[in-house]
């Protein structure tokens, strides 16, 4: 059986709040905003480049193919469910 002194020390240790570690400086929120005005080089890099026009993203066509794939998946699942129900009823 445990001794009363041990139990009282354990209870007091569990009741006392744990000391919190100090916050690290690199995890604290910044004291100033991050917005700074773009320089000439950054502005030039953000401009649209006509040489890269032919490599533009095909985002809209990818979305369309994804929608068609989702519809076909739904049709296949519906057909499988229909076949299972038809076999179960016969």
PDB file of N, CA and C in Angstrom:
ATOM      1  N   UNK A   1       0.840  -1.179   0.000  1.00  0.00           N
ATOM      2  CA  UNK A   1       0.000   0.000   0.000  1.00  0.00           C
ATOM      3  C   UNK A   1       0.890   1.250   0.000  1.00  0.00           C
ATOM      4  N   UNK A   2       0.445   2.268  -0.702  1.00  0.00           N
ATOM      5  CA  UNK A   2       1.247   3.480  -0.813  1.00  0.00           C
ATOM      6  C   UNK A   2       1.229   4.260   0.492  1.00  0.00           C
ATOM      7  N   UNK A   3       2.306   4.929   0.741  1.00  0.00           N
ATOM      8  CA  UNK A   3       2.420   5.702   1.979  1.00  0.00           C
ATOM      9  C   UNK A   3       1.696   7.042   1.827  1.00  0.00           C
ATOM     10  N   UNK A   4       1.089   7.567   2.886  1.00  0.00           N
ATOM     11  CA  UNK A   4       0.340   8.828   2.807  1.00  0.00           C
ATOM     12  C   UNK A   4       1.211  10.005   2.386  1.00  0.00           C
ATOM     13  N   UNK A   5       2.477  10.044   2.798  1.00  0.00           N
ATOM     14  CA  UNK A   5       3.341  11.166   2.422  1.00  0.00           C
ATOM     15  C   UNK A   5       3.559  11.181   0.912  1.00  0.00           C
ATOM     16  N   UNK A   6       3.724  10.006   0.335  1.00  0.00           N
ATOM     17  CA  UNK A   6       3.913   9.911  -1.106  1.00  0.00           C
ATOM     18  C   UNK A   6       2.667  10.389  -1.844  1.00  0.00           C
ATOM     19  N   UNK A   7       1.500   9.955  -1.345  1.00  0.00           N
ATOM     20  CA  UNK A   7       0.246  10.349  -1.993  1.00  0.00           C
ATOM     21  C   UNK A   7      -0.001  11.847  -1.878  1.00  0.00           C
ATOM     22  N   UNK A   8       0.282  12.437  -0.738  1.00  0.00           N
ATOM     23  CA  UNK A   8       0.057  13.881  -0.584  1.00  0.00           C
ATOM     24  C   UNK A   8       1.014  14.669  -1.481  1.00  0.00           C
ATOM     25  N   UNK A   9       2.256  14.205  -1.607  1.00  0.00           N
ATOM     26  CA  UNK A   9       3.212  14.891  -2.486  1.00  0.00           C
ATOM     27  C   UNK A   9       2.762  14.773  -3.944  1.00  0.00           C
ATOM     28  N   UNK A  10       2.255  13.594  -4.291  1.00  0.00           N
ATOM     29  CA  UNK A  10       1.777  13.392  -5.662  1.00  0.00           C
ATOM     30  C   UNK A  10       0.574  14.276  -5.959  1.00  0.00           C
ATOM     31  N   UNK A  11      -0.356  14.359  -5.002  1.00  0.00           N
ATOM     32  CA  UNK A  11      -1.547  15.200  -5.194  1.00  0.00           C
ATOM     33  C   UNK A  11      -1.167  16.666  -5.326  1.00  0.00           C
ATOM     34  N   UNK A  12      -0.247  17.135  -4.502  1.00  0.00           N
ATOM     35  CA  UNK A  12       0.136  18.548  -4.581  1.00  0.00           C
ATOM     36  C   UNK A  12       0.859  18.844  -5.890  1.00  0.00           C
ATOM     37  N   UNK A  13       1.621  17.886  -6.367  1.00  0.00           N
ATOM     38  CA  UNK A  13       2.316  18.077  -7.637  1.00  0.00           C
ATOM     39  C   UNK A  13       1.327  18.128  -8.799  1.00  0.00           C
ATOM     40  N   UNK A  14       0.283  17.314  -8.721  1.00  0.00           N
ATOM     41  CA  UNK A  14      -0.719  17.307  -9.786  1.00  0.00           C
ATOM     42  C   UNK A  14      -1.599  18.553  -9.745  1.00  0.00           C
ATOM     43  N   UNK A  15      -1.830  19.092  -8.563  1.00  0.00           N
ATOM     44  CA  UNK A  15      -2.678  20.281  -8.430  1.00  0.00           C
ATOM     45  C   UNK A  15      -1.961  21.552  -8.853  1.00  0.00           C
ATOM     46  N   UNK A  16      -0.668  21.631  -8.634  1.00  0.00           N
ATOM     47  CA  UNK A  16       0.066  22.854  -8.942  1.00  0.00           C
ATOM     48  C   UNK A  16       0.189  23.009 -10.461  1.00  0.00           C
ATOM     49  N   UNK A  17       0.014  24.240 -10.936  1.00  0.00           N
ATOM     50  CA  UNK A  17       0.124  24.458 -12.394  1.00  0.00           C
ATOM     51  C   UNK A  17       1.553  24.235 -12.873  1.00  0.00           C
ATOM     52  N   UNK A  18       1.665  23.710 -14.068  1.00  0.00           N
ATOM     53  CA  UNK A  18       2.976  23.456 -14.661  1.00  0.00           C
ATOM     54  C   UNK A  18       3.592  24.780 -15.107  1.00  0.00           C
ATOM     55  N   UNK A  19       4.870  24.980 -14.873  1.00  0.00           N
ATOM     56  CA  UNK A  19       5.503  26.213 -15.356  1.00  0.00           C
ATOM     57  C   UNK A  19       5.551  26.190 -16.879  1.00  0.00           C
ATOM     58  N   UNK A  20       5.194  27.320 -17.463  1.00  0.00           N
ATOM     59  CA  UNK A  20       5.171  27.404 -18.918  1.00  0.00           C
ATOM     60  C   UNK A  20       6.538  27.860 -19.419  1.00  0.00           C
ATOM     61  N   UNK A  21       6.938  27.255 -20.517  1.00  0.00           N
ATOM     62  CA  UNK A  21       8.211  27.634 -21.126  1.00  0.00           C
ATOM     63  C   UNK A  21       8.052  28.999 -21.786  1.00  0.00           C
ATOM     64  N   UNK A  22       9.076  29.829 -21.784  1.00  0.00           N
ATOM     65  CA  UNK A  22       8.973  31.133 -22.443  1.00  0.00           C
ATOM     66  C   UNK A  22       8.823  30.953 -23.951  1.00  0.00           C
ATOM     67  N   UNK A  23       8.041  31.821 -24.547  1.00  0.00           N
ATOM     68  CA  UNK A  23       7.809  31.750 -25.985  1.00  0.00           C
ATOM     69  C   UNK A  23       9.103  32.066 -26.735  1.00  0.00           C
ATOM     70  N   UNK A  24       9.333  31.315 -27.781  1.00  0.00           N
ATOM     71  CA  UNK A  24      10.525  31.553 -28.592  1.00  0.00           C
ATOM     72  C   UNK A  24      10.329  32.805 -29.432  1.00  0.00           C
ATOM     73  N   UNK A  25      11.380  33.603 -29.622  1.00  0.00           N
ATOM     74  CA  UNK A  25      11.210  34.866 -30.342  1.00  0.00           C
ATOM     75  C   UNK A  25      10.781  34.679 -31.791  1.00  0.00           C
ATOM     76  N   UNK A  26      11.195  33.604 -32.447  1.00  0.00           N
ATOM     77  CA  UNK A  26      10.834  33.438 -33.855  1.00  0.00           C
ATOM     78  C   UNK A  26       9.404  32.938 -34.016  1.00  0.00           C
ATOM     79  N   UNK A  27       8.726  32.553 -32.929  1.00  0.00           N
ATOM     80  CA  UNK A  27       7.339  32.112 -33.010  1.00  0.00           C
ATOM     81  C   UNK A  27       6.357  33.208 -32.625  1.00  0.00           C
ATOM     82  N   UNK A  28       6.863  34.351 -32.164  1.00  0.00           N
ATOM     83  CA  UNK A  28       5.990  35.448 -31.792  1.00  0.00           C
ATOM     84  C   UNK A  28       5.516  36.162 -33.048  1.00  0.00           C
ATOM     85  N   UNK A  29       4.307  36.732 -32.999  1.00  0.00           N
ATOM     86  CA  UNK A  29       3.818  37.447 -34.181  1.00  0.00           C
ATOM     87  C   UNK A  29       4.686  38.670 -34.459  1.00  0.00           C
ATOM     88  N   UNK A  30       4.771  39.048 -35.704  1.00  0.00           N
ATOM     89  CA  UNK A  30       5.610  40.206 -36.048  1.00  0.00           C
ATOM     90  C   UNK A  30       5.020  41.487 -35.470  1.00  0.00           C
ATOM     91  N   UNK A  31       5.895  42.419 -35.164  1.00  0.00           N
ATOM     92  CA  UNK A  31       5.447  43.689 -34.594  1.00  0.00           C
ATOM     93  C   UNK A  31       5.122  44.708 -35.671  1.00  0.00           C
ATOM     94  N   UNK A  32       5.500  44.434 -36.874  1.00  0.00           N
ATOM     95  CA  UNK A  32       5.202  45.366 -37.960  1.00  0.00           C
ATOM     96  C   UNK A  32       4.596  44.580 -39.108  1.00  0.00           C
ATOM     97  N   UNK A  33       3.945  45.259 -40.003  1.00  0.00           N
ATOM     98  CA  UNK A  33       3.354  44.610 -41.157  1.00  0.00           C
ATOM     99  C   UNK A  33       4.419  44.179 -42.147  1.00  0.00           C
ATOM    100  N   UNK A  34       4.075  43.237 -42.991  1.00  0.00           N
ATOM    101  CA  UNK A  34       5.035  42.740 -43.962  1.00  0.00           C
ATOM    102  C   UNK A  34       4.981  43.498 -45.277  1.00  0.00           C
ATOM    103  N   UNK A  35       3.991  44.352 -45.449  1.00  0.00           N
ATOM    104  CA  UNK A  35       3.845  45.003 -46.739  1.00  0.00           C
ATOM    105  C   UNK A  35       4.926  46.056 -46.944  1.00  0.00           C
ATOM    106  N   UNK A  36       5.640  45.884 -48.023  1.00  0.00           N
ATOM    107  CA  UNK A  36       6.604  46.886 -48.457  1.00  0.00           C
ATOM    108  C   UNK A  36       6.363  47.103 -49.944  1.00  0.00           C
ATOM    109  N   UNK A  37       6.713  48.240 -50.411  1.00  0.00           N
ATOM    110  CA  UNK A  37       6.494  48.554 -51.825  1.00  0.00           C
ATOM    111  C   UNK A  37       7.432  47.722 -52.690  1.00  0.00           C
ATOM    112  N   UNK A  38       6.904  47.207 -53.817  1.00  0.00           N
ATOM    113  CA  UNK A  38       7.716  46.402 -54.729  1.00  0.00           C
ATOM    114  C   UNK A  38       8.733  47.269 -55.447  1.00  0.00           C
ATOM    115  N   UNK A  39       9.885  46.693 -55.663  1.00  0.00           N
ATOM    116  CA  UNK A  39      10.921  47.391 -56.397  1.00  0.00           C
ATOM    117  C   UNK A  39      10.732  47.222 -57.895  1.00  0.00           C
ATOM    118  N   UNK A  40      11.603  47.821 -58.679  1.00  0.00           N
ATOM    119  CA  UNK A  40      11.496  47.763 -60.136  1.00  0.00           C
ATOM    120  C   UNK A  40      11.666  46.336 -60.647  1.00  0.00           C
ATOM    121  N   UNK A  41      12.574  45.585 -60.046  1.00  0.00           N
ATOM    122  CA  UNK A  41      12.817  44.207 -60.492  1.00  0.00           C
ATOM    123  C   UNK A  41      11.596  43.323 -60.236  1.00  0.00           C
ATOM    124  N   UNK A  42      10.989  43.473 -59.072  1.00  0.00           N
ATOM    125  CA  UNK A  42       9.806  42.685 -58.755  1.00  0.00           C
ATOM    126  C   UNK A  42       8.640  43.036 -59.672  1.00  0.00           C
ATOM    127  N   UNK A  43       8.481  44.323 -59.947  1.00  0.00           N
ATOM    128  CA  UNK A  43       7.404  44.743 -60.848  1.00  0.00           C
ATOM    129  C   UNK A  43       7.629  44.184 -62.245  1.00  0.00           C
ATOM    130  N   UNK A  44       8.883  44.171 -62.702  1.00  0.00           N
ATOM    131  CA  UNK A  44       9.185  43.625 -64.023  1.00  0.00           C
ATOM    132  C   UNK A  44       8.923  42.120 -64.070  1.00  0.00           C
ATOM    133  N   UNK A  45       9.213  41.425 -62.982  1.00  0.00           N
ATOM    134  CA  UNK A  45       8.972  39.987 -62.954  1.00  0.00           C
ATOM    135  C   UNK A  45       7.485  39.648 -62.923  1.00  0.00           C
ATOM    136  N   UNK A  46       6.663  40.531 -62.365  1.00  0.00           N
ATOM    137  CA  UNK A  46       5.227  40.275 -62.274  1.00  0.00           C
ATOM    138  C   UNK A  46       4.458  40.667 -63.536  1.00  0.00           C
ATOM    139  N   UNK A  47       5.107  41.390 -64.433  1.00  0.00           N
ATOM    140  CA  UNK A  47       4.433  41.775 -65.678  1.00  0.00           C
ATOM    141  C   UNK A  47       4.196  40.553 -66.547  1.00  0.00           C
ATOM    142  N   UNK A  48       3.162  40.625 -67.397  1.00  0.00           N
ATOM    143  CA  UNK A  48       2.843  39.513 -68.286  1.00  0.00           C
ATOM    144  C   UNK A  48       3.879  39.442 -69.403  1.00  0.00           C
ATOM    145  N   UNK A  49       4.372  38.238 -69.655  1.00  0.00           N
ATOM    146  CA  UNK A  49       5.392  38.030 -70.673  1.00  0.00           C
ATOM    147  C   UNK A  49       4.744  37.393 -71.899  1.00  0.00           C
ATOM    148  N   UNK A  50       4.871  38.058 -73.054  1.00  0.00           N
ATOM    149  CA  UNK A  50       4.225  37.546 -74.271  1.00  0.00           C
ATOM    150  C   UNK A  50       4.892  36.262 -74.765  1.00  0.00           C
ATOM    151  N   UNK A  51       6.170  36.060 -74.476  1.00  0.00           N
ATOM    152  CA  UNK A  51       6.857  34.849 -74.913  1.00  0.00           C
ATOM    153  C   UNK A  51       6.318  33.611 -74.199  1.00  0.00           C
ATOM    154  N   UNK A  52       5.732  33.804 -73.034  1.00  0.00           N
ATOM    155  CA  UNK A  52       5.216  32.668 -72.264  1.00  0.00           C
ATOM    156  C   UNK A  52       3.719  32.430 -72.477  1.00  0.00           C
ATOM    157  N   UNK A  53       3.109  33.186 -73.397  1.00  0.00           N
ATOM    158  CA  UNK A  53       1.674  33.061 -73.637  1.00  0.00           C
ATOM    159  C   UNK A  53       1.287  31.645 -74.052  1.00  0.00           C
ATOM    160  N   UNK A  54       2.089  30.992 -74.875  1.00  0.00           N
ATOM    161  CA  UNK A  54       1.716  29.668 -75.374  1.00  0.00           C
ATOM    162  C   UNK A  54       1.815  28.591 -74.293  1.00  0.00           C
ATOM    163  N   UNK A  55       2.470  28.894 -73.186  1.00  0.00           N
ATOM    164  CA  UNK A  55       2.586  27.935 -72.097  1.00  0.00           C
ATOM    165  C   UNK A  55       1.580  28.206 -70.988  1.00  0.00           C
ATOM    166  N   UNK A  56       0.505  28.954 -71.322  1.00  0.00           N
ATOM    167  CA  UNK A  56      -0.462  29.316 -70.294  1.00  0.00           C
ATOM    168  C   UNK A  56      -1.143  28.086 -69.725  1.00  0.00           C
ATOM    169  N   UNK A  57      -1.674  28.229 -68.559  1.00  0.00           N
ATOM    170  CA  UNK A  57      -2.291  27.116 -67.848  1.00  0.00           C
ATOM    171  C   UNK A  57      -3.570  26.668 -68.554  1.00  0.00           C
ATOM    172  N   UNK A  58      -3.805  25.398 -68.503  1.00  0.00           N
ATOM    173  CA  UNK A  58      -5.015  24.834 -69.089  1.00  0.00           C
ATOM    174  C   UNK A  58      -6.004  24.511 -67.977  1.00  0.00           C
ATOM    175  N   UNK A  59      -6.155  25.427 -67.061  1.00  0.00           N
ATOM    176  CA  UNK A  59      -6.954  25.206 -65.859  1.00  0.00           C
ATOM    177  C   UNK A  59      -8.419  24.927 -66.189  1.00  0.00           C
ATOM    178  N   UNK A  60      -8.985  25.680 -67.128  1.00  0.00           N
ATOM    179  CA  UNK A  60     -10.400  25.493 -67.458  1.00  0.00           C
ATOM    180  C   UNK A  60     -10.653  24.132 -68.090  1.00  0.00           C
ATOM    181  N   UNK A  61      -9.766  23.683 -68.960  1.00  0.00           N
ATOM    182  CA  UNK A  61      -9.970  22.378 -69.581  1.00  0.00           C
ATOM    183  C   UNK A  61      -9.768  21.253 -68.574  1.00  0.00           C
ATOM    184  N   UNK A  62      -8.869  21.445 -67.625  1.00  0.00           N
ATOM    185  CA  UNK A  62      -8.670  20.435 -66.576  1.00  0.00           C
ATOM    186  C   UNK A  62      -9.916  20.341 -65.714  1.00  0.00           C
ATOM    187  N   UNK A  63     -10.524  21.463 -65.385  1.00  0.00           N
ATOM    188  CA  UNK A  63     -11.770  21.449 -64.615  1.00  0.00           C
ATOM    189  C   UNK A  63     -12.873  20.725 -65.390  1.00  0.00           C
ATOM    190  N   UNK A  64     -12.951  20.971 -66.683  1.00  0.00           N
ATOM    191  CA  UNK A  64     -13.988  20.348 -67.503  1.00  0.00           C
ATOM    192  C   UNK A  64     -13.795  18.838 -67.569  1.00  0.00           C
ATOM    193  N   UNK A  65     -12.563  18.382 -67.758  1.00  0.00           N
ATOM    194  CA  UNK A  65     -12.284  16.949 -67.793  1.00  0.00           C
ATOM    195  C   UNK A  65     -12.592  16.319 -66.434  1.00  0.00           C
ATOM    196  N   UNK A  66     -12.304  17.025 -65.357  1.00  0.00           N
ATOM    197  CA  UNK A  66     -12.592  16.527 -64.017  1.00  0.00           C
ATOM    198  C   UNK A  66     -14.092  16.372 -63.813  1.00  0.00           C
ATOM    199  N   UNK A  67     -14.875  17.335 -64.277  1.00  0.00           N
ATOM    200  CA  UNK A  67     -16.334  17.240 -64.159  1.00  0.00           C
ATOM    201  C   UNK A  67     -16.872  16.057 -64.950  1.00  0.00           C
ATOM    202  N   UNK A  68     -16.357  15.854 -66.164  1.00  0.00           N
ATOM    203  CA  UNK A  68     -16.798  14.721 -66.984  1.00  0.00           C
ATOM    204  C   UNK A  68     -16.454  13.410 -66.290  1.00  0.00           C
ATOM    205  N   UNK A  69     -15.267  13.335 -65.708  1.00  0.00           N
ATOM    206  CA  UNK A  69     -14.869  12.134 -64.972  1.00  0.00           C
ATOM    207  C   UNK A  69     -15.762  11.877 -63.776  1.00  0.00           C
ATOM    208  N   UNK A  70     -16.126  12.934 -63.061  1.00  0.00           N
ATOM    209  CA  UNK A  70     -17.024  12.778 -61.912  1.00  0.00           C
ATOM    210  C   UNK A  70     -18.401  12.296 -62.353  1.00  0.00           C
ATOM    211  N   UNK A  71     -18.895  12.804 -63.461  1.00  0.00           N
ATOM    212  CA  UNK A  71     -20.203  12.383 -63.975  1.00  0.00           C
ATOM    213  C   UNK A  71     -20.150  10.920 -64.392  1.00  0.00           C
ATOM    214  N   UNK A  72     -19.091  10.523 -65.090  1.00  0.00           N
ATOM    215  CA  UNK A  72     -18.967   9.124 -65.509  1.00  0.00           C
ATOM    216  C   UNK A  72     -18.856   8.193 -64.305  1.00  0.00           C
ATOM    217  N   UNK A  73     -18.153   8.616 -63.280  1.00  0.00           N
ATOM    218  CA  UNK A  73     -18.052   7.809 -62.062  1.00  0.00           C
ATOM    219  C   UNK A  73     -19.423   7.636 -61.426  1.00  0.00           C
ATOM    220  N   UNK A  74     -20.208   8.692 -61.389  1.00  0.00           N
ATOM    221  CA  UNK A  74     -21.564   8.613 -60.849  1.00  0.00           C
ATOM    222  C   UNK A  74     -22.444   7.678 -61.649  1.00  0.00           C
ATOM    223  N   UNK A  75     -22.331   7.731 -62.971  1.00  0.00           N
ATOM    224  CA  UNK A  75     -23.129   6.853 -63.838  1.00  0.00           C
ATOM    225  C   UNK A  75     -22.758   5.392 -63.600  1.00  0.00           C
ATOM    226  N   UNK A  76     -21.473   5.093 -63.480  1.00  0.00           N
ATOM    227  CA  UNK A  76     -21.026   3.716 -63.241  1.00  0.00           C
ATOM    228  C   UNK A  76     -21.515   3.233 -61.884  1.00  0.00           C
ATOM    229  N   UNK A  77     -21.411   4.078 -60.869  1.00  0.00           N
ATOM    230  CA  UNK A  77     -21.893   3.687 -59.540  1.00  0.00           C
ATOM    231  C   UNK A  77     -23.395   3.441 -59.549  1.00  0.00           C
ATOM    232  N   UNK A  78     -24.147   4.291 -60.233  1.00  0.00           N
ATOM    233  CA  UNK A  78     -25.592   4.105 -60.334  1.00  0.00           C
ATOM    234  C   UNK A  78     -25.925   2.802 -61.052  1.00  0.00           C
ATOM    235  N   UNK A  79     -25.194   2.505 -62.127  1.00  0.00           N
ATOM    236  CA  UNK A  79     -25.443   1.267 -62.872  1.00  0.00           C
ATOM    237  C   UNK A  79     -25.123   0.045 -62.014  1.00  0.00           C
ATOM    238  N   UNK A  80     -24.049   0.098 -61.250  1.00  0.00           N
ATOM    239  CA  UNK A  80     -23.706  -1.022 -60.364  1.00  0.00           C
ATOM    240  C   UNK A  80     -24.773  -1.212 -59.294  1.00  0.00           C
ATOM    241  N   UNK A  81     -25.242  -0.125 -58.713  1.00  0.00           N
ATOM    242  CA  UNK A  81     -26.287  -0.220 -57.701  1.00  0.00           C
ATOM    243  C   UNK A  81     -27.569  -0.778 -58.304  1.00  0.00           C
ATOM    244  N   UNK A  82     -27.885  -0.365 -59.509  1.00  0.00           N
ATOM    245  CA  UNK A  82     -29.086  -0.856 -60.193  1.00  0.00           C
ATOM    246  C   UNK A  82     -28.985  -2.358 -60.437  1.00  0.00           C
ATOM    247  N   UNK A  83     -27.826  -2.819 -60.871  1.00  0.00           N
ATOM    248  CA  UNK A  83     -27.630  -4.250 -61.112  1.00  0.00           C
ATOM    249  C   UNK A  83     -27.731  -5.056 -59.820  1.00  0.00           C
ATOM    250  N   UNK A  84     -27.184  -4.518 -58.745  1.00  0.00           N
ATOM    251  CA  UNK A  84     -27.250  -5.224 -57.452  1.00  0.00           C
ATOM    252  C   UNK A  84     -28.701  -5.335 -56.983  1.00  0.00           C
ATOM    253  N   UNK A  85     -29.458  -4.242 -57.119  1.00  0.00           N
ATOM    254  CA  UNK A  85     -30.868  -4.255 -56.719  1.00  0.00           C
ATOM    255  C   UNK A  85     -31.647  -5.206 -57.620  1.00  0.00           C
ATOM    256  N   UNK A  86     -31.361  -5.195 -58.908  1.00  0.00           N
ATOM    257  CA  UNK A  86     -32.086  -6.079 -59.849  1.00  0.00           C
ATOM    258  C   UNK A  86     -31.796  -7.534 -59.536  1.00  0.00           C
ATOM    259  N   UNK A  87     -30.542  -7.880 -59.201  1.00  0.00           N
ATOM    260  CA  UNK A  87     -30.199  -9.257 -58.839  1.00  0.00           C
ATOM    261  C   UNK A  87     -30.831  -9.644 -57.495  1.00  0.00           C
ATOM    262  N   UNK A  88     -30.924  -8.710 -56.575  1.00  0.00           N
ATOM    263  CA  UNK A  88     -31.495  -9.002 -55.268  1.00  0.00           C
ATOM    264  C   UNK A  88     -33.006  -9.242 -55.369  1.00  0.00           C
ATOM    265  N   UNK A  89     -33.667  -8.563 -56.280  1.00  0.00           N
ATOM    266  CA  UNK A  89     -35.116  -8.707 -56.427  1.00  0.00           C
ATOM    267  C   UNK A  89     -35.508  -9.955 -57.202  1.00  0.00           C
ATOM    268  N   UNK A  90     -34.605 -10.477 -58.017  1.00  0.00           N
ATOM    269  CA  UNK A  90     -34.972 -11.650 -58.824  1.00  0.00           C
ATOM    270  C   UNK A  90     -34.632 -12.952 -58.159  1.00  0.00           C
TER     271      UNK A  90
END
